[in-house]
Amino acid sequence: MNKFLFDMFPVILFFIAFKFFGIFTATAVAIAATIAQIIYSKIRYGKIEKMLIVSGAVIGILGGITLLLHDKAYIMMKPTALYWIIAVALLISNLFFKKNLIQQMMSNLIDAPAPIWNKLNLVWVAFLVLLGFLNLYVAFNYTENTWVNFKLFGVTGIMFAFFIAQTVALKKYLIAPLEEQGKLAEKDKSAHNKDETK
């Protein structure tokens, strides 16, 4: 939960600043919030996650152009640019470097064979590409207010639904939490002892 809130920090501040001051002030606030995230990560953990660096670069470039040209179109394209950069990274890493980034991120939750991981990687690529197109559609066919609401609530809801669908589809590969594993072990041990006493 703390990780989720940390990742959403710039988006939440962008939303609040937009409601009170408009999209250009919100853009400046989001840039400042992302820089603050980077500094905090470096001080707190001694390193900065690659995803945070990429996010910082994208919002720094597109947000900077938005403020420089006073053109909101660039900041509206930022989510799409980020989704598509991640999608390309997932695809290239898997196809050309034989590194499955989704597997690296989720191997503590899922124990699946290589073909399943490769399919899951492609599903993520397709999902992010579609999410990028959806962002562009909302950004340039609806009002600023609708897009900002979609950026916070719509995308979060879509992501949550995607995670739920992914969990259901891969339920037989899910790794049980340690406490659950302990309960199962105790249950098996108890059943084994009963069999021996018969």
N, C-alpha and C. Protein backbone atom coordinates (compact mmCIF):
# COMPACT_ATOMS: atom_id res chain seq x y z
N MET A 1 0.84 -1.21 0.00
CA MET A 1 0.00 0.00 0.00
C MET A 1 0.87 1.26 0.00
N ASN A 2 1.93 1.26 0.82
CA ASN A 2 2.83 2.41 0.88
C ASN A 2 3.50 2.64 -0.48
N LYS A 3 3.88 1.53 -1.15
CA LYS A 3 4.52 1.62 -2.46
C LYS A 3 3.55 2.20 -3.48
N PHE A 4 2.29 1.77 -3.41
CA PHE A 4 1.26 2.28 -4.32
C PHE A 4 1.07 3.78 -4.15
N LEU A 5 0.97 4.23 -2.91
CA LEU A 5 0.79 5.66 -2.63
C LEU A 5 2.01 6.46 -3.06
N PHE A 6 3.19 5.89 -2.85
CA PHE A 6 4.42 6.57 -3.27
C PHE A 6 4.45 6.75 -4.78
N ASP A 7 4.07 5.69 -5.52
CA ASP A 7 4.05 5.76 -6.98
C ASP A 7 3.00 6.74 -7.48
N MET A 8 1.88 6.82 -6.76
CA MET A 8 0.78 7.68 -7.18
C MET A 8 0.93 9.13 -6.71
N PHE A 9 1.95 9.41 -5.92
CA PHE A 9 2.16 10.73 -5.32
C PHE A 9 2.08 11.87 -6.34
N PRO A 10 2.83 11.83 -7.46
CA PRO A 10 2.75 12.93 -8.43
C PRO A 10 1.37 13.05 -9.07
N VAL A 11 0.72 11.90 -9.32
CA VAL A 11 -0.61 11.91 -9.96
C VAL A 11 -1.64 12.54 -9.04
N ILE A 12 -1.58 12.20 -7.76
CA ILE A 12 -2.52 12.76 -6.79
C ILE A 12 -2.32 14.26 -6.64
N LEU A 13 -1.06 14.69 -6.55
CA LEU A 13 -0.79 16.13 -6.44
C LEU A 13 -1.18 16.86 -7.71
N PHE A 14 -0.97 16.23 -8.87
CA PHE A 14 -1.40 16.81 -10.15
C PHE A 14 -2.91 17.04 -10.13
N PHE A 15 -3.65 16.03 -9.66
CA PHE A 15 -5.10 16.10 -9.59
C PHE A 15 -5.56 17.25 -8.70
N ILE A 16 -4.97 17.35 -7.52
CA ILE A 16 -5.36 18.41 -6.57
C ILE A 16 -5.02 19.79 -7.12
N ALA A 17 -3.80 19.94 -7.66
CA ALA A 17 -3.38 21.23 -8.20
C ALA A 17 -4.24 21.64 -9.38
N PHE A 18 -4.62 20.68 -10.21
CA PHE A 18 -5.48 20.99 -11.36
C PHE A 18 -6.83 21.54 -10.92
N LYS A 19 -7.41 20.91 -9.90
CA LYS A 19 -8.74 21.32 -9.44
C LYS A 19 -8.75 22.76 -8.92
N PHE A 20 -7.60 23.18 -8.36
CA PHE A 20 -7.56 24.53 -7.77
C PHE A 20 -6.90 25.57 -8.68
N PHE A 21 -5.91 25.16 -9.46
CA PHE A 21 -5.11 26.16 -10.18
C PHE A 21 -5.02 25.95 -11.70
N GLY A 22 -5.48 24.82 -12.21
CA GLY A 22 -5.43 24.60 -13.65
C GLY A 22 -4.30 23.67 -14.08
N ILE A 23 -4.28 23.36 -15.35
CA ILE A 23 -3.40 22.30 -15.85
C ILE A 23 -1.92 22.69 -15.87
N PHE A 24 -1.61 23.96 -16.07
CA PHE A 24 -0.20 24.34 -16.16
C PHE A 24 0.48 24.34 -14.78
N THR A 25 -0.25 24.83 -13.79
CA THR A 25 0.28 24.75 -12.42
C THR A 25 0.39 23.29 -11.99
N ALA A 26 -0.61 22.50 -12.35
CA ALA A 26 -0.60 21.07 -12.02
C ALA A 26 0.61 20.37 -12.65
N THR A 27 0.95 20.78 -13.87
CA THR A 27 2.12 20.20 -14.55
C THR A 27 3.40 20.50 -13.79
N ALA A 28 3.55 21.75 -13.37
CA ALA A 28 4.74 22.15 -12.60
C ALA A 28 4.80 21.39 -11.28
N VAL A 29 3.65 21.21 -10.64
CA VAL A 29 3.59 20.47 -9.37
C VAL A 29 3.99 19.00 -9.58
N ALA A 30 3.51 18.40 -10.67
CA ALA A 30 3.84 17.00 -10.95
C ALA A 30 5.34 16.82 -11.21
N ILE A 31 5.93 17.78 -11.92
CA ILE A 31 7.38 17.72 -12.17
C ILE A 31 8.14 17.81 -10.85
N ALA A 32 7.75 18.76 -10.00
CA ALA A 32 8.40 18.94 -8.70
C ALA A 32 8.22 17.71 -7.82
N ALA A 33 7.03 17.11 -7.86
CA ALA A 33 6.76 15.92 -7.04
C ALA A 33 7.61 14.73 -7.50
N THR A 34 7.78 14.59 -8.80
CA THR A 34 8.60 13.49 -9.32
C THR A 34 10.07 13.68 -8.95
N ILE A 35 10.54 14.92 -9.03
CA ILE A 35 11.92 15.22 -8.62
C ILE A 35 12.09 14.90 -7.13
N ALA A 36 11.08 15.25 -6.33
CA ALA A 36 11.12 14.96 -4.89
C ALA A 36 11.17 13.44 -4.65
N GLN A 37 10.42 12.68 -5.44
CA GLN A 37 10.45 11.22 -5.33
C GLN A 37 11.85 10.68 -5.60
N ILE A 38 12.48 11.20 -6.64
CA ILE A 38 13.82 10.75 -7.02
C ILE A 38 14.83 11.05 -5.91
N ILE A 39 14.77 12.27 -5.39
CA ILE A 39 15.69 12.66 -4.31
C ILE A 39 15.46 11.81 -3.07
N TYR A 40 14.18 11.61 -2.72
CA TYR A 40 13.85 10.80 -1.54
C TYR A 40 14.37 9.37 -1.70
N SER A 41 14.16 8.78 -2.87
CA SER A 41 14.61 7.41 -3.12
C SER A 41 16.12 7.29 -2.99
N LYS A 42 16.83 8.28 -3.50
CA LYS A 42 18.29 8.26 -3.43
C LYS A 42 18.77 8.36 -1.99
N ILE A 43 18.15 9.25 -1.22
CA ILE A 43 18.55 9.44 0.18
C ILE A 43 18.12 8.25 1.04
N ARG A 44 16.89 7.78 0.84
CA ARG A 44 16.32 6.73 1.69
C ARG A 44 16.89 5.34 1.38
N TYR A 45 17.05 5.04 0.09
CA TYR A 45 17.46 3.69 -0.30
C TYR A 45 18.84 3.62 -0.94
N GLY A 46 19.41 4.77 -1.25
CA GLY A 46 20.73 4.80 -1.86
C GLY A 46 20.73 4.48 -3.34
N LYS A 47 19.53 4.31 -3.92
CA LYS A 47 19.41 4.03 -5.35
C LYS A 47 18.06 4.53 -5.86
N ILE A 48 17.94 4.60 -7.17
CA ILE A 48 16.70 5.05 -7.79
C ILE A 48 16.23 3.98 -8.77
N GLU A 49 14.97 3.56 -8.65
CA GLU A 49 14.44 2.55 -9.55
C GLU A 49 14.43 3.07 -10.99
N LYS A 50 14.72 2.16 -11.92
CA LYS A 50 14.76 2.54 -13.34
C LYS A 50 13.44 3.13 -13.79
N MET A 51 12.33 2.55 -13.30
CA MET A 51 11.01 3.04 -13.69
C MET A 51 10.82 4.48 -13.27
N LEU A 52 11.31 4.84 -12.10
CA LEU A 52 11.20 6.20 -11.61
C LEU A 52 12.05 7.15 -12.44
N ILE A 53 13.21 6.69 -12.87
CA ILE A 53 14.08 7.51 -13.73
C ILE A 53 13.40 7.78 -15.07
N VAL A 54 12.81 6.73 -15.64
CA VAL A 54 12.11 6.87 -16.92
C VAL A 54 10.94 7.82 -16.78
N SER A 55 10.15 7.63 -15.72
CA SER A 55 9.00 8.50 -15.46
C SER A 55 9.43 9.95 -15.29
N GLY A 56 10.53 10.15 -14.55
CA GLY A 56 11.05 11.50 -14.35
C GLY A 56 11.51 12.14 -15.64
N ALA A 57 12.15 11.35 -16.50
CA ALA A 57 12.61 11.88 -17.79
C ALA A 57 11.44 12.27 -18.67
N VAL A 58 10.40 11.40 -18.71
CA VAL A 58 9.24 11.67 -19.57
C VAL A 58 8.48 12.91 -19.12
N ILE A 59 8.20 12.99 -17.80
CA ILE A 59 7.45 14.16 -17.33
C ILE A 59 8.31 15.42 -17.37
N GLY A 60 9.62 15.25 -17.20
CA GLY A 60 10.51 16.40 -17.29
C GLY A 60 10.52 16.99 -18.70
N ILE A 61 10.58 16.10 -19.70
CA ILE A 61 10.61 16.56 -21.09
C ILE A 61 9.26 17.09 -21.55
N LEU A 62 8.22 16.25 -21.44
CA LEU A 62 6.90 16.66 -21.93
C LEU A 62 6.27 17.75 -21.06
N GLY A 63 6.50 17.65 -19.75
CA GLY A 63 6.00 18.70 -18.86
C GLY A 63 6.72 20.01 -19.09
N GLY A 64 8.04 19.92 -19.33
CA GLY A 64 8.81 21.14 -19.62
C GLY A 64 8.36 21.81 -20.91
N ILE A 65 8.10 20.99 -21.94
CA ILE A 65 7.61 21.55 -23.22
C ILE A 65 6.23 22.18 -23.02
N THR A 66 5.39 21.53 -22.21
CA THR A 66 4.06 22.06 -21.91
C THR A 66 4.15 23.46 -21.31
N LEU A 67 5.02 23.62 -20.34
CA LEU A 67 5.16 24.93 -19.68
C LEU A 67 5.84 25.94 -20.59
N LEU A 68 6.82 25.50 -21.37
CA LEU A 68 7.55 26.40 -22.25
C LEU A 68 6.66 26.94 -23.38
N LEU A 69 5.89 26.05 -23.98
CA LEU A 69 5.03 26.45 -25.11
C LEU A 69 3.61 26.80 -24.67
N HIS A 70 3.32 26.58 -23.42
CA HIS A 70 1.97 26.80 -22.87
C HIS A 70 0.95 26.00 -23.68
N ASP A 71 1.29 24.74 -23.94
CA ASP A 71 0.46 23.85 -24.74
C ASP A 71 0.19 22.57 -23.94
N LYS A 72 -1.06 22.40 -23.52
CA LYS A 72 -1.43 21.28 -22.65
C LYS A 72 -1.34 19.92 -23.36
N ALA A 73 -1.27 19.90 -24.68
CA ALA A 73 -1.26 18.64 -25.43
C ALA A 73 -0.10 17.75 -25.01
N TYR A 74 1.05 18.35 -24.70
CA TYR A 74 2.24 17.57 -24.39
C TYR A 74 2.11 16.82 -23.07
N ILE A 75 1.58 17.48 -22.04
CA ILE A 75 1.42 16.79 -20.76
C ILE A 75 0.34 15.73 -20.86
N MET A 76 -0.64 15.94 -21.75
CA MET A 76 -1.70 14.95 -21.95
C MET A 76 -1.16 13.70 -22.64
N MET A 77 -0.08 13.84 -23.37
CA MET A 77 0.53 12.69 -24.05
C MET A 77 1.49 11.92 -23.14
N LYS A 78 1.82 12.51 -21.98
CA LYS A 78 2.80 11.91 -21.08
C LYS A 78 2.45 10.49 -20.66
N PRO A 79 1.21 10.20 -20.21
CA PRO A 79 0.91 8.81 -19.82
C PRO A 79 1.11 7.83 -20.97
N THR A 80 0.67 8.23 -22.16
CA THR A 80 0.83 7.36 -23.33
C THR A 80 2.30 7.09 -23.61
N ALA A 81 3.12 8.13 -23.57
CA ALA A 81 4.55 7.96 -23.81
C ALA A 81 5.15 6.99 -22.80
N LEU A 82 4.76 7.12 -21.53
CA LEU A 82 5.29 6.25 -20.48
C LEU A 82 4.85 4.80 -20.69
N TYR A 83 3.55 4.61 -20.98
CA TYR A 83 3.04 3.25 -21.20
C TYR A 83 3.77 2.59 -22.38
N TRP A 84 3.96 3.33 -23.45
CA TRP A 84 4.56 2.75 -24.65
C TRP A 84 6.06 2.50 -24.47
N ILE A 85 6.73 3.33 -23.71
CA ILE A 85 8.16 3.09 -23.42
C ILE A 85 8.31 1.79 -22.63
N ILE A 86 7.44 1.60 -21.64
CA ILE A 86 7.48 0.37 -20.84
C ILE A 86 7.17 -0.84 -21.72
N ALA A 87 6.16 -0.71 -22.59
CA ALA A 87 5.79 -1.81 -23.48
C ALA A 87 6.95 -2.21 -24.39
N VAL A 88 7.62 -1.21 -24.96
CA VAL A 88 8.77 -1.48 -25.83
C VAL A 88 9.90 -2.15 -25.04
N ALA A 89 10.14 -1.68 -23.82
CA ALA A 89 11.19 -2.26 -22.98
C ALA A 89 10.88 -3.73 -22.66
N LEU A 90 9.62 -4.03 -22.35
CA LEU A 90 9.22 -5.40 -22.06
C LEU A 90 9.43 -6.30 -23.28
N LEU A 91 9.05 -5.79 -24.45
CA LEU A 91 9.13 -6.59 -25.67
C LEU A 91 10.57 -6.83 -26.10
N ILE A 92 11.36 -5.76 -26.12
CA ILE A 92 12.76 -5.88 -26.56
C ILE A 92 13.57 -6.74 -25.60
N SER A 93 13.37 -6.54 -24.30
CA SER A 93 14.12 -7.33 -23.31
C SER A 93 13.86 -8.82 -23.47
N ASN A 94 12.59 -9.16 -23.75
CA ASN A 94 12.22 -10.56 -23.87
C ASN A 94 12.67 -11.17 -25.20
N LEU A 95 12.51 -10.44 -26.29
CA LEU A 95 12.81 -10.97 -27.61
C LEU A 95 14.30 -11.01 -27.93
N PHE A 96 15.02 -9.96 -27.54
CA PHE A 96 16.41 -9.84 -27.96
C PHE A 96 17.44 -10.13 -26.86
N PHE A 97 17.04 -9.98 -25.60
CA PHE A 97 17.98 -10.20 -24.51
C PHE A 97 17.58 -11.37 -23.61
N LYS A 98 16.45 -12.03 -23.97
CA LYS A 98 15.97 -13.19 -23.21
C LYS A 98 15.78 -12.88 -21.73
N LYS A 99 15.38 -11.65 -21.44
CA LYS A 99 15.10 -11.25 -20.07
C LYS A 99 13.62 -10.89 -19.97
N ASN A 100 12.91 -11.60 -19.13
CA ASN A 100 11.49 -11.34 -18.94
C ASN A 100 11.32 -10.43 -17.73
N LEU A 101 11.09 -9.16 -17.98
CA LEU A 101 11.01 -8.18 -16.89
C LEU A 101 9.79 -8.40 -16.01
N ILE A 102 8.71 -8.88 -16.60
CA ILE A 102 7.52 -9.19 -15.80
C ILE A 102 7.82 -10.32 -14.82
N GLN A 103 8.56 -11.31 -15.29
CA GLN A 103 8.95 -12.42 -14.41
C GLN A 103 9.84 -11.93 -13.28
N GLN A 104 10.76 -11.02 -13.59
CA GLN A 104 11.64 -10.49 -12.56
C GLN A 104 10.85 -9.75 -11.48
N MET A 105 9.79 -9.05 -11.90
CA MET A 105 9.00 -8.26 -10.96
C MET A 105 8.02 -9.11 -10.15
N MET A 106 7.56 -10.23 -10.72
CA MET A 106 6.46 -10.97 -10.10
C MET A 106 6.82 -12.39 -9.70
N SER A 107 8.11 -12.76 -9.78
CA SER A 107 8.51 -14.13 -9.48
C SER A 107 8.27 -14.52 -8.02
N ASN A 108 8.15 -13.52 -7.13
CA ASN A 108 7.87 -13.83 -5.73
C ASN A 108 6.38 -14.10 -5.48
N LEU A 109 5.57 -13.84 -6.51
CA LEU A 109 4.13 -14.04 -6.39
C LEU A 109 3.63 -15.22 -7.23
N ILE A 110 4.33 -15.48 -8.33
CA ILE A 110 3.88 -16.49 -9.28
C ILE A 110 5.01 -17.46 -9.60
N ASP A 111 4.69 -18.74 -9.58
CA ASP A 111 5.66 -19.79 -9.96
C ASP A 111 5.11 -20.50 -11.19
N ALA A 112 5.55 -20.05 -12.38
CA ALA A 112 5.00 -20.57 -13.62
C ALA A 112 6.13 -20.96 -14.58
N PRO A 113 5.85 -21.86 -15.53
CA PRO A 113 6.86 -22.24 -16.53
C PRO A 113 7.14 -21.10 -17.50
N ALA A 114 8.27 -21.19 -18.20
CA ALA A 114 8.71 -20.13 -19.11
C ALA A 114 7.66 -19.72 -20.15
N PRO A 115 6.96 -20.67 -20.79
CA PRO A 115 5.96 -20.26 -21.79
C PRO A 115 4.86 -19.37 -21.22
N ILE A 116 4.47 -19.63 -19.97
CA ILE A 116 3.44 -18.81 -19.31
C ILE A 116 3.97 -17.40 -19.07
N TRP A 117 5.22 -17.31 -18.61
CA TRP A 117 5.82 -16.00 -18.39
C TRP A 117 5.91 -15.21 -19.69
N ASN A 118 6.27 -15.86 -20.79
CA ASN A 118 6.37 -15.18 -22.08
C ASN A 118 5.00 -14.68 -22.56
N LYS A 119 3.97 -15.49 -22.34
CA LYS A 119 2.62 -15.06 -22.69
C LYS A 119 2.18 -13.88 -21.83
N LEU A 120 2.50 -13.96 -20.54
CA LEU A 120 2.14 -12.87 -19.62
C LEU A 120 2.84 -11.58 -20.02
N ASN A 121 4.09 -11.70 -20.45
CA ASN A 121 4.84 -10.53 -20.90
C ASN A 121 4.15 -9.88 -22.10
N LEU A 122 3.71 -10.71 -23.06
CA LEU A 122 3.02 -10.19 -24.25
C LEU A 122 1.67 -9.57 -23.89
N VAL A 123 0.98 -10.17 -22.92
CA VAL A 123 -0.29 -9.61 -22.45
C VAL A 123 -0.08 -8.21 -21.87
N TRP A 124 1.00 -8.06 -21.09
CA TRP A 124 1.32 -6.75 -20.53
C TRP A 124 1.65 -5.74 -21.63
N VAL A 125 2.40 -6.17 -22.64
CA VAL A 125 2.73 -5.29 -23.76
C VAL A 125 1.45 -4.80 -24.44
N ALA A 126 0.55 -5.74 -24.76
CA ALA A 126 -0.71 -5.39 -25.41
C ALA A 126 -1.55 -4.47 -24.54
N PHE A 127 -1.61 -4.77 -23.25
CA PHE A 127 -2.39 -3.96 -22.31
C PHE A 127 -1.88 -2.52 -22.26
N LEU A 128 -0.57 -2.35 -22.18
CA LEU A 128 0.01 -1.00 -22.09
C LEU A 128 -0.16 -0.22 -23.40
N VAL A 129 -0.05 -0.92 -24.52
CA VAL A 129 -0.26 -0.25 -25.81
C VAL A 129 -1.70 0.25 -25.91
N LEU A 130 -2.65 -0.61 -25.56
CA LEU A 130 -4.07 -0.22 -25.60
C LEU A 130 -4.37 0.90 -24.61
N LEU A 131 -3.76 0.83 -23.43
CA LEU A 131 -3.97 1.87 -22.42
C LEU A 131 -3.44 3.21 -22.93
N GLY A 132 -2.34 3.16 -23.69
CA GLY A 132 -1.79 4.38 -24.28
C GLY A 132 -2.74 4.99 -25.28
N PHE A 133 -3.34 4.16 -26.12
CA PHE A 133 -4.32 4.66 -27.10
C PHE A 133 -5.56 5.21 -26.40
N LEU A 134 -5.98 4.53 -25.33
CA LEU A 134 -7.15 4.98 -24.58
C LEU A 134 -6.91 6.35 -23.96
N ASN A 135 -5.70 6.56 -23.44
CA ASN A 135 -5.37 7.87 -22.88
C ASN A 135 -5.46 8.96 -23.94
N LEU A 136 -4.92 8.70 -25.13
CA LEU A 136 -4.98 9.68 -26.22
C LEU A 136 -6.43 9.97 -26.62
N TYR A 137 -7.24 8.93 -26.66
CA TYR A 137 -8.65 9.10 -27.04
C TYR A 137 -9.37 10.01 -26.04
N VAL A 138 -9.18 9.74 -24.76
CA VAL A 138 -9.85 10.55 -23.73
C VAL A 138 -9.28 11.97 -23.73
N ALA A 139 -7.96 12.09 -23.85
CA ALA A 139 -7.30 13.40 -23.79
C ALA A 139 -7.77 14.35 -24.88
N PHE A 140 -7.97 13.82 -26.09
CA PHE A 140 -8.26 14.70 -27.22
C PHE A 140 -9.70 14.63 -27.73
N ASN A 141 -10.56 13.94 -26.98
CA ASN A 141 -11.97 13.89 -27.35
C ASN A 141 -12.90 14.33 -26.23
N TYR A 142 -12.31 14.58 -25.06
CA TYR A 142 -13.11 15.02 -23.92
C TYR A 142 -12.48 16.25 -23.28
N THR A 143 -13.12 16.77 -22.26
CA THR A 143 -12.63 17.98 -21.60
C THR A 143 -11.39 17.68 -20.75
N GLU A 144 -10.66 18.75 -20.42
CA GLU A 144 -9.50 18.60 -19.52
C GLU A 144 -9.90 17.91 -18.22
N ASN A 145 -11.04 18.36 -17.67
CA ASN A 145 -11.49 17.82 -16.39
C ASN A 145 -11.75 16.32 -16.48
N THR A 146 -12.38 15.89 -17.57
CA THR A 146 -12.65 14.46 -17.77
C THR A 146 -11.35 13.68 -17.87
N TRP A 147 -10.38 14.25 -18.61
CA TRP A 147 -9.10 13.55 -18.77
C TRP A 147 -8.37 13.42 -17.43
N VAL A 148 -8.36 14.48 -16.63
CA VAL A 148 -7.69 14.44 -15.33
C VAL A 148 -8.35 13.41 -14.41
N ASN A 149 -9.69 13.37 -14.42
CA ASN A 149 -10.40 12.37 -13.62
C ASN A 149 -10.07 10.95 -14.11
N PHE A 150 -10.02 10.80 -15.43
CA PHE A 150 -9.68 9.49 -16.01
C PHE A 150 -8.26 9.08 -15.63
N LYS A 151 -7.35 10.05 -15.65
CA LYS A 151 -5.94 9.79 -15.35
C LYS A 151 -5.77 9.22 -13.95
N LEU A 152 -6.55 9.71 -12.98
CA LEU A 152 -6.43 9.23 -11.61
C LEU A 152 -7.35 8.04 -11.34
N PHE A 153 -8.65 8.23 -11.60
CA PHE A 153 -9.62 7.20 -11.22
C PHE A 153 -9.80 6.12 -12.29
N GLY A 154 -9.88 6.55 -13.55
CA GLY A 154 -10.10 5.60 -14.64
C GLY A 154 -8.96 4.62 -14.81
N VAL A 155 -7.74 5.14 -14.90
CA VAL A 155 -6.57 4.28 -15.10
C VAL A 155 -6.35 3.38 -13.89
N THR A 156 -6.55 3.93 -12.70
CA THR A 156 -6.39 3.11 -11.48
C THR A 156 -7.40 1.96 -11.48
N GLY A 157 -8.64 2.26 -11.86
CA GLY A 157 -9.67 1.22 -11.92
C GLY A 157 -9.36 0.16 -12.97
N ILE A 158 -8.89 0.60 -14.13
CA ILE A 158 -8.54 -0.33 -15.21
C ILE A 158 -7.37 -1.23 -14.77
N MET A 159 -6.37 -0.63 -14.15
CA MET A 159 -5.22 -1.39 -13.66
C MET A 159 -5.66 -2.43 -12.63
N PHE A 160 -6.53 -2.02 -11.72
CA PHE A 160 -7.02 -2.93 -10.68
C PHE A 160 -7.76 -4.10 -11.32
N ALA A 161 -8.64 -3.81 -12.29
CA ALA A 161 -9.39 -4.86 -12.97
C ALA A 161 -8.44 -5.81 -13.71
N PHE A 162 -7.39 -5.25 -14.32
CA PHE A 162 -6.41 -6.07 -15.04
C PHE A 162 -5.67 -7.00 -14.08
N PHE A 163 -5.27 -6.47 -12.92
CA PHE A 163 -4.59 -7.30 -11.92
C PHE A 163 -5.48 -8.43 -11.42
N ILE A 164 -6.77 -8.12 -11.20
CA ILE A 164 -7.72 -9.14 -10.75
C ILE A 164 -7.86 -10.23 -11.80
N ALA A 165 -8.03 -9.82 -13.08
CA ALA A 165 -8.16 -10.79 -14.17
C ALA A 165 -6.90 -11.64 -14.29
N GLN A 166 -5.75 -11.00 -14.13
CA GLN A 166 -4.47 -11.72 -14.20
C GLN A 166 -4.35 -12.74 -13.07
N THR A 167 -4.77 -12.34 -11.88
CA THR A 167 -4.72 -13.23 -10.72
C THR A 167 -5.62 -14.44 -10.90
N VAL A 168 -6.83 -14.20 -11.41
CA VAL A 168 -7.78 -15.29 -11.65
C VAL A 168 -7.24 -16.25 -12.70
N ALA A 169 -6.68 -15.69 -13.79
CA ALA A 169 -6.16 -16.52 -14.89
C ALA A 169 -4.96 -17.36 -14.46
N LEU A 170 -4.19 -16.85 -13.51
CA LEU A 170 -2.96 -17.53 -13.10
C LEU A 170 -3.05 -18.11 -11.69
N LYS A 171 -4.27 -18.33 -11.21
CA LYS A 171 -4.44 -18.73 -9.81
C LYS A 171 -3.72 -20.03 -9.45
N LYS A 172 -3.61 -20.94 -10.41
CA LYS A 172 -2.94 -22.21 -10.09
C LYS A 172 -1.42 -22.07 -9.99
N TYR A 173 -0.90 -20.91 -10.42
CA TYR A 173 0.54 -20.67 -10.34
C TYR A 173 0.91 -19.73 -9.18
N LEU A 174 -0.11 -19.25 -8.46
CA LEU A 174 0.16 -18.30 -7.37
C LEU A 174 0.91 -18.97 -6.24
N ILE A 175 1.86 -18.25 -5.68
CA ILE A 175 2.62 -18.73 -4.53
C ILE A 175 1.89 -18.32 -3.26
N ALA A 176 1.57 -19.29 -2.42
CA ALA A 176 0.86 -18.99 -1.18
C ALA A 176 1.75 -18.19 -0.24
N PRO A 177 1.16 -17.24 0.51
CA PRO A 177 1.95 -16.50 1.52
C PRO A 177 2.56 -17.46 2.52
N LEU A 178 3.63 -17.03 3.20
CA LEU A 178 4.35 -17.90 4.14
C LEU A 178 3.44 -18.43 5.24
N GLU A 179 2.56 -17.58 5.78
CA GLU A 179 1.70 -18.04 6.86
C GLU A 179 0.71 -19.10 6.36
N GLU A 180 0.28 -18.93 5.10
CA GLU A 180 -0.64 -19.91 4.52
C GLU A 180 0.08 -21.22 4.25
N GLN A 181 1.34 -21.11 3.80
CA GLN A 181 2.14 -22.31 3.57
C GLN A 181 2.33 -23.06 4.89
N GLY A 182 2.54 -22.31 5.97
CA GLY A 182 2.71 -22.93 7.29
C GLY A 182 1.47 -23.68 7.72
N LYS A 183 0.30 -23.09 7.47
CA LYS A 183 -0.97 -23.73 7.83
C LYS A 183 -1.17 -25.01 7.03
N LEU A 184 -0.83 -24.95 5.73
CA LEU A 184 -0.97 -26.13 4.88
C LEU A 184 -0.03 -27.24 5.35
N ALA A 185 1.20 -26.83 5.74
CA ALA A 185 2.18 -27.82 6.21
C ALA A 185 1.67 -28.48 7.49
N GLU A 186 1.11 -27.68 8.39
CA GLU A 186 0.58 -28.22 9.64
C GLU A 186 -0.59 -29.16 9.38
N LYS A 187 -1.40 -28.79 8.40
CA LYS A 187 -2.56 -29.61 8.06
C LYS A 187 -2.11 -30.96 7.50
N ASP A 188 -1.10 -30.91 6.62
CA ASP A 188 -0.56 -32.14 6.04
C ASP A 188 0.06 -33.03 7.12
N LYS A 189 0.78 -32.37 8.05
CA LYS A 189 1.44 -33.11 9.13
C LYS A 189 0.41 -33.78 10.02
N SER A 190 -0.67 -33.03 10.31
CA SER A 190 -1.73 -33.56 11.16
C SER A 190 -2.41 -34.76 10.49
N ALA A 191 -2.65 -34.63 9.19
CA ALA A 191 -3.30 -35.72 8.45
C ALA A 191 -2.39 -36.94 8.41
N HIS A 192 -1.07 -36.71 8.27
CA HIS A 192 -0.11 -37.79 8.23
C HIS A 192 -0.06 -38.52 9.57
N ASN A 193 -0.10 -37.76 10.67
CA ASN A 193 -0.08 -38.36 12.02
C ASN A 193 -1.33 -39.21 12.26
N LYS A 194 -2.47 -38.75 11.75
CA LYS A 194 -3.69 -39.49 11.92
C LYS A 194 -3.63 -40.83 11.18
N ASP A 195 -3.02 -40.76 9.99
CA ASP A 195 -2.88 -41.99 9.20
C ASP A 195 -2.00 -43.00 9.91
N GLU A 196 -0.95 -42.51 10.58
CA GLU A 196 -0.02 -43.41 11.27
C GLU A 196 -0.63 -44.08 12.50
N THR A 197 -1.59 -43.37 13.11
CA THR A 197 -2.20 -43.91 14.33
C THR A 197 -3.30 -44.91 14.02
N LYS A 198 -3.72 -44.98 12.76
CA LYS A 198 -4.77 -45.93 12.39
C LYS A 198 -4.23 -47.36 12.36
